[in-house]
Amino acid sequence: MSLDNVDVFLRTVRDDLGLDLPGPAGADTALVDLPGWDSLNLLRLVALLEESGHRVPVHRLMEARSLRDIHTLVKEYR
């Protein structure tokens, strides 16, 4: 599964993690402000990324402040 497109990435995060993302603009929302976002969802996202062939180091994910930051890392570590 290619997550290079931010819309596909957001749709995958929304569908697989069950998050209520506020549309494409949600990519820039601070993770702490996303409804339902917590450390469990971060772990679920790590697993989702690994299953789709994107091995982003966890310490880099923990530095991310938004889903756009995470998407940038996904593209960097494909």
PDB file of N, CA and C in Angstrom:
ATOM      1  N   MET A   1       0.850  -1.177   0.000  1.00  0.00           N
ATOM      2  CA  MET A   1       0.000   0.000   0.000  1.00  0.00           C
ATOM      3  C   MET A   1       0.894   1.237   0.000  1.00  0.00           C
ATOM      4  N   SER A   2       0.678   2.080  -0.954  1.00  0.00           N
ATOM      5  CA  SER A   2       1.453   3.314  -1.020  1.00  0.00           C
ATOM      6  C   SER A   2       0.746   4.407  -0.220  1.00  0.00           C
ATOM      7  N   LEU A   3       1.477   5.001   0.674  1.00  0.00           N
ATOM      8  CA  LEU A   3       0.940   6.092   1.490  1.00  0.00           C
ATOM      9  C   LEU A   3       1.598   7.408   1.114  1.00  0.00           C
ATOM     10  N   ASP A   4       2.149   7.479  -0.105  1.00  0.00           N
ATOM     11  CA  ASP A   4       2.862   8.683  -0.527  1.00  0.00           C
ATOM     12  C   ASP A   4       1.953   9.894  -0.660  1.00  0.00           C
ATOM     13  N   ASN A   5       0.703   9.659  -1.013  1.00  0.00           N
ATOM     14  CA  ASN A   5      -0.258  10.757  -1.150  1.00  0.00           C
ATOM     15  C   ASN A   5      -0.857  11.057   0.216  1.00  0.00           C
ATOM     16  N   VAL A   6      -0.853  12.320   0.610  1.00  0.00           N
ATOM     17  CA  VAL A   6      -1.327  12.674   1.952  1.00  0.00           C
ATOM     18  C   VAL A   6      -2.808  12.334   2.139  1.00  0.00           C
ATOM     19  N   ASP A   7      -3.615  12.447   1.079  1.00  0.00           N
ATOM     20  CA  ASP A   7      -5.035  12.109   1.206  1.00  0.00           C
ATOM     21  C   ASP A   7      -5.223  10.617   1.478  1.00  0.00           C
ATOM     22  N   VAL A   8      -4.447   9.785   0.787  1.00  0.00           N
ATOM     23  CA  VAL A   8      -4.509   8.332   1.021  1.00  0.00           C
ATOM     24  C   VAL A   8      -4.036   8.027   2.432  1.00  0.00           C
ATOM     25  N   PHE A   9      -2.969   8.682   2.857  1.00  0.00           N
ATOM     26  CA  PHE A   9      -2.454   8.478   4.208  1.00  0.00           C
ATOM     27  C   PHE A   9      -3.510   8.841   5.249  1.00  0.00           C
ATOM     28  N   LEU A  10      -4.149   9.994   5.091  1.00  0.00           N
ATOM     29  CA  LEU A  10      -5.166  10.421   6.062  1.00  0.00           C
ATOM     30  C   LEU A  10      -6.366   9.476   6.063  1.00  0.00           C
ATOM     31  N   ARG A  11      -6.772   9.044   4.884  1.00  0.00           N
ATOM     32  CA  ARG A  11      -7.914   8.116   4.793  1.00  0.00           C
ATOM     33  C   ARG A  11      -7.565   6.791   5.479  1.00  0.00           C
ATOM     34  N   THR A  12      -6.343   6.323   5.277  1.00  0.00           N
ATOM     35  CA  THR A  12      -5.909   5.077   5.907  1.00  0.00           C
ATOM     36  C   THR A  12      -5.877   5.226   7.419  1.00  0.00           C
ATOM     37  N   VAL A  13      -5.338   6.334   7.902  1.00  0.00           N
ATOM     38  CA  VAL A  13      -5.292   6.581   9.349  1.00  0.00           C
ATOM     39  C   VAL A  13      -6.714   6.641   9.905  1.00  0.00           C
ATOM     40  N   ARG A  14      -7.581   7.360   9.208  1.00  0.00           N
ATOM     41  CA  ARG A  14      -8.968   7.488   9.666  1.00  0.00           C
ATOM     42  C   ARG A  14      -9.659   6.126   9.710  1.00  0.00           C
ATOM     43  N   ASP A  15      -9.541   5.368   8.638  1.00  0.00           N
ATOM     44  CA  ASP A  15     -10.256   4.091   8.539  1.00  0.00           C
ATOM     45  C   ASP A  15      -9.668   3.019   9.451  1.00  0.00           C
ATOM     46  N   ASP A  16      -8.349   2.919   9.485  1.00  0.00           N
ATOM     47  CA  ASP A  16      -7.715   1.830  10.244  1.00  0.00           C
ATOM     48  C   ASP A  16      -7.627   2.125  11.732  1.00  0.00           C
ATOM     49  N   LEU A  17      -7.488   3.383  12.102  1.00  0.00           N
ATOM     50  CA  LEU A  17      -7.399   3.724  13.513  1.00  0.00           C
ATOM     51  C   LEU A  17      -8.738   4.180  14.076  1.00  0.00           C
ATOM     52  N   GLY A  18      -9.717   4.404  13.194  1.00  0.00           N
ATOM     53  CA  GLY A  18     -11.038   4.815  13.645  1.00  0.00           C
ATOM     54  C   GLY A  18     -11.070   6.216  14.225  1.00  0.00           C
ATOM     55  N   LEU A  19     -10.182   7.061  13.718  1.00  0.00           N
ATOM     56  CA  LEU A  19     -10.155   8.441  14.202  1.00  0.00           C
ATOM     57  C   LEU A  19     -11.091   9.309  13.375  1.00  0.00           C
ATOM     58  N   ASP A  20     -11.685  10.292  14.016  1.00  0.00           N
ATOM     59  CA  ASP A  20     -12.551  11.248  13.345  1.00  0.00           C
ATOM     60  C   ASP A  20     -11.688  12.440  12.946  1.00  0.00           C
ATOM     61  N   LEU A  21     -11.073  12.356  11.738  1.00  0.00           N
ATOM     62  CA  LEU A  21     -10.175  13.416  11.291  1.00  0.00           C
ATOM     63  C   LEU A  21     -10.973  14.522  10.625  1.00  0.00           C
ATOM     64  N   PRO A  22     -10.602  15.755  10.904  1.00  0.00           N
ATOM     65  CA  PRO A  22     -11.337  16.894  10.340  1.00  0.00           C
ATOM     66  C   PRO A  22     -10.935  17.212   8.901  1.00  0.00           C
ATOM     67  N   GLY A  23     -11.075  16.267   7.958  1.00  0.00           N
ATOM     68  CA  GLY A  23     -10.783  16.516   6.549  1.00  0.00           C
ATOM     69  C   GLY A  23      -9.302  16.706   6.288  1.00  0.00           C
ATOM     70  N   PRO A  24      -8.970  17.121   5.038  1.00  0.00           N
ATOM     71  CA  PRO A  24      -7.560  17.301   4.678  1.00  0.00           C
ATOM     72  C   PRO A  24      -6.831  18.288   5.587  1.00  0.00           C
ATOM     73  N   ALA A  25      -7.550  19.273   6.090  1.00  0.00           N
ATOM     74  CA  ALA A  25      -6.917  20.236   6.985  1.00  0.00           C
ATOM     75  C   ALA A  25      -6.474  19.580   8.295  1.00  0.00           C
ATOM     76  N   GLY A  26      -7.011  18.407   8.567  1.00  0.00           N
ATOM     77  CA  GLY A  26      -6.640  17.683   9.780  1.00  0.00           C
ATOM     78  C   GLY A  26      -5.189  17.259   9.794  1.00  0.00           C
ATOM     79  N   ALA A  27      -4.557  17.248   8.629  1.00  0.00           N
ATOM     80  CA  ALA A  27      -3.144  16.865   8.556  1.00  0.00           C
ATOM     81  C   ALA A  27      -2.273  17.804   9.366  1.00  0.00           C
ATOM     82  N   ASP A  28      -2.705  19.054   9.473  1.00  0.00           N
ATOM     83  CA  ASP A  28      -1.898  20.046  10.179  1.00  0.00           C
ATOM     84  C   ASP A  28      -2.321  20.246  11.630  1.00  0.00           C
ATOM     85  N   THR A  29      -3.365  19.563  12.038  1.00  0.00           N
ATOM     86  CA  THR A  29      -3.820  19.671  13.422  1.00  0.00           C
ATOM     87  C   THR A  29      -2.800  19.012  14.354  1.00  0.00           C
ATOM     88  N   ALA A  30      -2.512  19.675  15.437  1.00  0.00           N
ATOM     89  CA  ALA A  30      -1.585  19.083  16.410  1.00  0.00           C
ATOM     90  C   ALA A  30      -2.143  17.744  16.885  1.00  0.00           C
ATOM     91  N   LEU A  31      -1.267  16.753  16.989  1.00  0.00           N
ATOM     92  CA  LEU A  31      -1.726  15.424  17.413  1.00  0.00           C
ATOM     93  C   LEU A  31      -2.476  15.495  18.736  1.00  0.00           C
ATOM     94  N   VAL A  32      -2.013  16.322  19.644  1.00  0.00           N
ATOM     95  CA  VAL A  32      -2.662  16.408  20.954  1.00  0.00           C
ATOM     96  C   VAL A  32      -4.073  16.976  20.850  1.00  0.00           C
ATOM     97  N   ASP A  33      -4.396  17.619  19.727  1.00  0.00           N
ATOM     98  CA  ASP A  33      -5.732  18.191  19.541  1.00  0.00           C
ATOM     99  C   ASP A  33      -6.656  17.302  18.717  1.00  0.00           C
ATOM    100  N   LEU A  34      -6.126  16.164  18.201  1.00  0.00           N
ATOM    101  CA  LEU A  34      -6.975  15.247  17.430  1.00  0.00           C
ATOM    102  C   LEU A  34      -7.875  14.471  18.383  1.00  0.00           C
ATOM    103  N   PRO A  35      -9.188  14.456  18.110  1.00  0.00           N
ATOM    104  CA  PRO A  35     -10.093  13.687  18.960  1.00  0.00           C
ATOM    105  C   PRO A  35      -9.710  12.201  18.961  1.00  0.00           C
ATOM    106  N   GLY A  36      -9.500  11.641  20.117  1.00  0.00           N
ATOM    107  CA  GLY A  36      -9.201  10.215  20.235  1.00  0.00           C
ATOM    108  C   GLY A  36      -7.725   9.863  20.123  1.00  0.00           C
ATOM    109  N   TRP A  37      -6.876  10.841  19.832  1.00  0.00           N
ATOM    110  CA  TRP A  37      -5.452  10.527  19.683  1.00  0.00           C
ATOM    111  C   TRP A  37      -4.835  10.247  21.044  1.00  0.00           C
ATOM    112  N   ASP A  38      -4.090   9.138  21.131  1.00  0.00           N
ATOM    113  CA  ASP A  38      -3.385   8.811  22.364  1.00  0.00           C
ATOM    114  C   ASP A  38      -2.201   7.911  22.028  1.00  0.00           C
ATOM    115  N   SER A  39      -1.466   7.501  23.040  1.00  0.00           N
ATOM    116  CA  SER A  39      -0.263   6.699  22.808  1.00  0.00           C
ATOM    117  C   SER A  39      -0.600   5.345  22.180  1.00  0.00           C
ATOM    118  N   LEU A  40      -1.768   4.800  22.477  1.00  0.00           N
ATOM    119  CA  LEU A  40      -2.170   3.534  21.855  1.00  0.00           C
ATOM    120  C   LEU A  40      -2.331   3.709  20.348  1.00  0.00           C
ATOM    121  N   ASN A  41      -2.905   4.824  19.942  1.00  0.00           N
ATOM    122  CA  ASN A  41      -3.042   5.072  18.507  1.00  0.00           C
ATOM    123  C   ASN A  41      -1.683   5.262  17.856  1.00  0.00           C
ATOM    124  N   LEU A  42      -0.728   5.832  18.560  1.00  0.00           N
ATOM    125  CA  LEU A  42       0.624   5.953  18.003  1.00  0.00           C
ATOM    126  C   LEU A  42       1.203   4.558  17.753  1.00  0.00           C
ATOM    127  N   LEU A  43       1.023   3.650  18.710  1.00  0.00           N
ATOM    128  CA  LEU A  43       1.516   2.277  18.530  1.00  0.00           C
ATOM    129  C   LEU A  43       0.792   1.578  17.390  1.00  0.00           C
ATOM    130  N   ARG A  44      -0.512   1.791  17.310  1.00  0.00           N
ATOM    131  CA  ARG A  44      -1.277   1.202  16.204  1.00  0.00           C
ATOM    132  C   ARG A  44      -0.803   1.762  14.864  1.00  0.00           C
ATOM    133  N   LEU A  45      -0.454   3.045  14.828  1.00  0.00           N
ATOM    134  CA  LEU A  45       0.047   3.657  13.609  1.00  0.00           C
ATOM    135  C   LEU A  45       1.410   3.075  13.238  1.00  0.00           C
ATOM    136  N   VAL A  46       2.268   2.847  14.226  1.00  0.00           N
ATOM    137  CA  VAL A  46       3.569   2.224  13.968  1.00  0.00           C
ATOM    138  C   VAL A  46       3.356   0.853  13.314  1.00  0.00           C
ATOM    139  N   ALA A  47       2.442   0.056  13.860  1.00  0.00           N
ATOM    140  CA  ALA A  47       2.159  -1.269  13.298  1.00  0.00           C
ATOM    141  C   ALA A  47       1.597  -1.145  11.883  1.00  0.00           C
ATOM    142  N   LEU A  48       0.685  -0.220  11.686  1.00  0.00           N
ATOM    143  CA  LEU A  48       0.097  -0.002  10.368  1.00  0.00           C
ATOM    144  C   LEU A  48       1.177   0.365   9.351  1.00  0.00           C
ATOM    145  N   LEU A  49       2.068   1.260   9.737  1.00  0.00           N
ATOM    146  CA  LEU A  49       3.136   1.680   8.822  1.00  0.00           C
ATOM    147  C   LEU A  49       4.053   0.508   8.498  1.00  0.00           C
ATOM    148  N   GLU A  50       4.410  -0.283   9.498  1.00  0.00           N
ATOM    149  CA  GLU A  50       5.292  -1.426   9.257  1.00  0.00           C
ATOM    150  C   GLU A  50       4.617  -2.452   8.353  1.00  0.00           C
ATOM    151  N   GLU A  51       3.334  -2.703   8.573  1.00  0.00           N
ATOM    152  CA  GLU A  51       2.600  -3.650   7.728  1.00  0.00           C
ATOM    153  C   GLU A  51       2.540  -3.185   6.278  1.00  0.00           C
ATOM    154  N   SER A  52       2.592  -1.879   6.075  1.00  0.00           N
ATOM    155  CA  SER A  52       2.529  -1.350   4.709  1.00  0.00           C
ATOM    156  C   SER A  52       3.919  -1.083   4.134  1.00  0.00           C
ATOM    157  N   GLY A  53       4.962  -1.545   4.845  1.00  0.00           N
ATOM    158  CA  GLY A  53       6.319  -1.449   4.315  1.00  0.00           C
ATOM    159  C   GLY A  53       7.051  -0.160   4.611  1.00  0.00           C
ATOM    160  N   HIS A  54       6.518   0.644   5.522  1.00  0.00           N
ATOM    161  CA  HIS A  54       7.155   1.911   5.886  1.00  0.00           C
ATOM    162  C   HIS A  54       7.737   1.776   7.292  1.00  0.00           C
ATOM    163  N   ARG A  55       9.054   1.633   7.373  1.00  0.00           N
ATOM    164  CA  ARG A  55       9.713   1.436   8.669  1.00  0.00           C
ATOM    165  C   ARG A  55      10.288   2.757   9.165  1.00  0.00           C
ATOM    166  N   VAL A  56       9.415   3.545   9.761  1.00  0.00           N
ATOM    167  CA  VAL A  56       9.819   4.836  10.314  1.00  0.00           C
ATOM    168  C   VAL A  56      10.275   4.600  11.752  1.00  0.00           C
ATOM    169  N   PRO A  57      11.490   5.026  12.111  1.00  0.00           N
ATOM    170  CA  PRO A  57      11.948   4.846  13.486  1.00  0.00           C
ATOM    171  C   PRO A  57      10.977   5.483  14.486  1.00  0.00           C
ATOM    172  N   VAL A  58      10.696   4.767  15.542  1.00  0.00           N
ATOM    173  CA  VAL A  58       9.713   5.236  16.525  1.00  0.00           C
ATOM    174  C   VAL A  58      10.139   6.569  17.132  1.00  0.00           C
ATOM    175  N   HIS A  59      11.435   6.733  17.374  1.00  0.00           N
ATOM    176  CA  HIS A  59      11.859   8.004  17.986  1.00  0.00           C
ATOM    177  C   HIS A  59      11.562   9.188  17.067  1.00  0.00           C
ATOM    178  N   ARG A  60      11.585   8.962  15.739  1.00  0.00           N
ATOM    179  CA  ARG A  60      11.231  10.041  14.799  1.00  0.00           C
ATOM    180  C   ARG A  60       9.722  10.309  14.847  1.00  0.00           C
ATOM    181  N   LEU A  61       8.920   9.233  14.982  1.00  0.00           N
ATOM    182  CA  LEU A  61       7.469   9.418  15.074  1.00  0.00           C
ATOM    183  C   LEU A  61       7.093  10.177  16.335  1.00  0.00           C
ATOM    184  N   MET A  62       7.829   9.908  17.402  1.00  0.00           N
ATOM    185  CA  MET A  62       7.506  10.570  18.670  1.00  0.00           C
ATOM    186  C   MET A  62       7.853  12.057  18.641  1.00  0.00           C
ATOM    187  N   GLU A  63       8.694  12.459  17.697  1.00  0.00           N
ATOM    188  CA  GLU A  63       9.024  13.879  17.541  1.00  0.00           C
ATOM    189  C   GLU A  63       7.973  14.617  16.717  1.00  0.00           C
ATOM    190  N   ALA A  64       7.150  13.869  15.968  1.00  0.00           N
ATOM    191  CA  ALA A  64       6.147  14.479  15.089  1.00  0.00           C
ATOM    192  C   ALA A  64       5.090  15.192  15.914  1.00  0.00           C
ATOM    193  N   ARG A  65       4.645  16.309  15.403  1.00  0.00           N
ATOM    194  CA  ARG A  65       3.615  17.106  16.090  1.00  0.00           C
ATOM    195  C   ARG A  65       2.265  17.058  15.384  1.00  0.00           C
ATOM    196  N   SER A  66       2.252  16.551  14.144  1.00  0.00           N
ATOM    197  CA  SER A  66       0.992  16.486  13.382  1.00  0.00           C
ATOM    198  C   SER A  66       1.037  15.275  12.458  1.00  0.00           C
ATOM    199  N   LEU A  67      -0.105  14.938  11.889  1.00  0.00           N
ATOM    200  CA  LEU A  67      -0.135  13.840  10.917  1.00  0.00           C
ATOM    201  C   LEU A  67       0.662  14.205   9.676  1.00  0.00           C
ATOM    202  N   ARG A  68       0.721  15.498   9.336  1.00  0.00           N
ATOM    203  CA  ARG A  68       1.545  15.897   8.192  1.00  0.00           C
ATOM    204  C   ARG A  68       3.015  15.610   8.484  1.00  0.00           C
ATOM    205  N   ASP A  69       3.455  15.877   9.720  1.00  0.00           N
ATOM    206  CA  ASP A  69       4.834  15.544  10.097  1.00  0.00           C
ATOM    207  C   ASP A  69       5.072  14.040   9.922  1.00  0.00           C
ATOM    208  N   ILE A  70       4.116  13.229  10.355  1.00  0.00           N
ATOM    209  CA  ILE A  70       4.256  11.775  10.231  1.00  0.00           C
ATOM    210  C   ILE A  70       4.269  11.382   8.761  1.00  0.00           C
ATOM    211  N   HIS A  71       3.392  12.000   7.969  1.00  0.00           N
ATOM    212  CA  HIS A  71       3.373  11.693   6.537  1.00  0.00           C
ATOM    213  C   HIS A  71       4.711  12.051   5.884  1.00  0.00           C
ATOM    214  N   THR A  72       5.316  13.145   6.273  1.00  0.00           N
ATOM    215  CA  THR A  72       6.639  13.520   5.745  1.00  0.00           C
ATOM    216  C   THR A  72       7.656  12.431   6.070  1.00  0.00           C
ATOM    217  N   LEU A  73       7.583  11.885   7.281  1.00  0.00           N
ATOM    218  CA  LEU A  73       8.499  10.796   7.659  1.00  0.00           C
ATOM    219  C   LEU A  73       8.213   9.534   6.850  1.00  0.00           C
ATOM    220  N   VAL A  74       6.939   9.257   6.604  1.00  0.00           N
ATOM    221  CA  VAL A  74       6.567   8.084   5.797  1.00  0.00           C
ATOM    222  C   VAL A  74       7.217   8.177   4.425  1.00  0.00           C
ATOM    223  N   LYS A  75       7.170   9.361   3.819  1.00  0.00           N
ATOM    224  CA  LYS A  75       7.786   9.534   2.497  1.00  0.00           C
ATOM    225  C   LYS A  75       9.308   9.430   2.597  1.00  0.00           C
ATOM    226  N   GLU A  76       9.864   9.925   3.689  1.00  0.00           N
ATOM    227  CA  GLU A  76      11.325   9.896   3.873  1.00  0.00           C
ATOM    228  C   GLU A  76      11.845   8.468   4.060  1.00  0.00           C
ATOM    229  N   TYR A  77      11.060   7.609   4.715  1.00  0.00           N
ATOM    230  CA  TYR A  77      11.502   6.245   5.043  1.00  0.00           C
ATOM    231  C   TYR A  77      10.795   5.175   4.216  1.00  0.00           C
ATOM    232  N   ARG A  78      10.483   5.451   2.971  1.00  0.00           N
ATOM    233  CA  ARG A  78       9.838   4.415   2.131  1.00  0.00           C
ATOM    234  C   ARG A  78      10.853   3.471   1.574  1.00  0.00           C
TER     235      ARG A  78
END
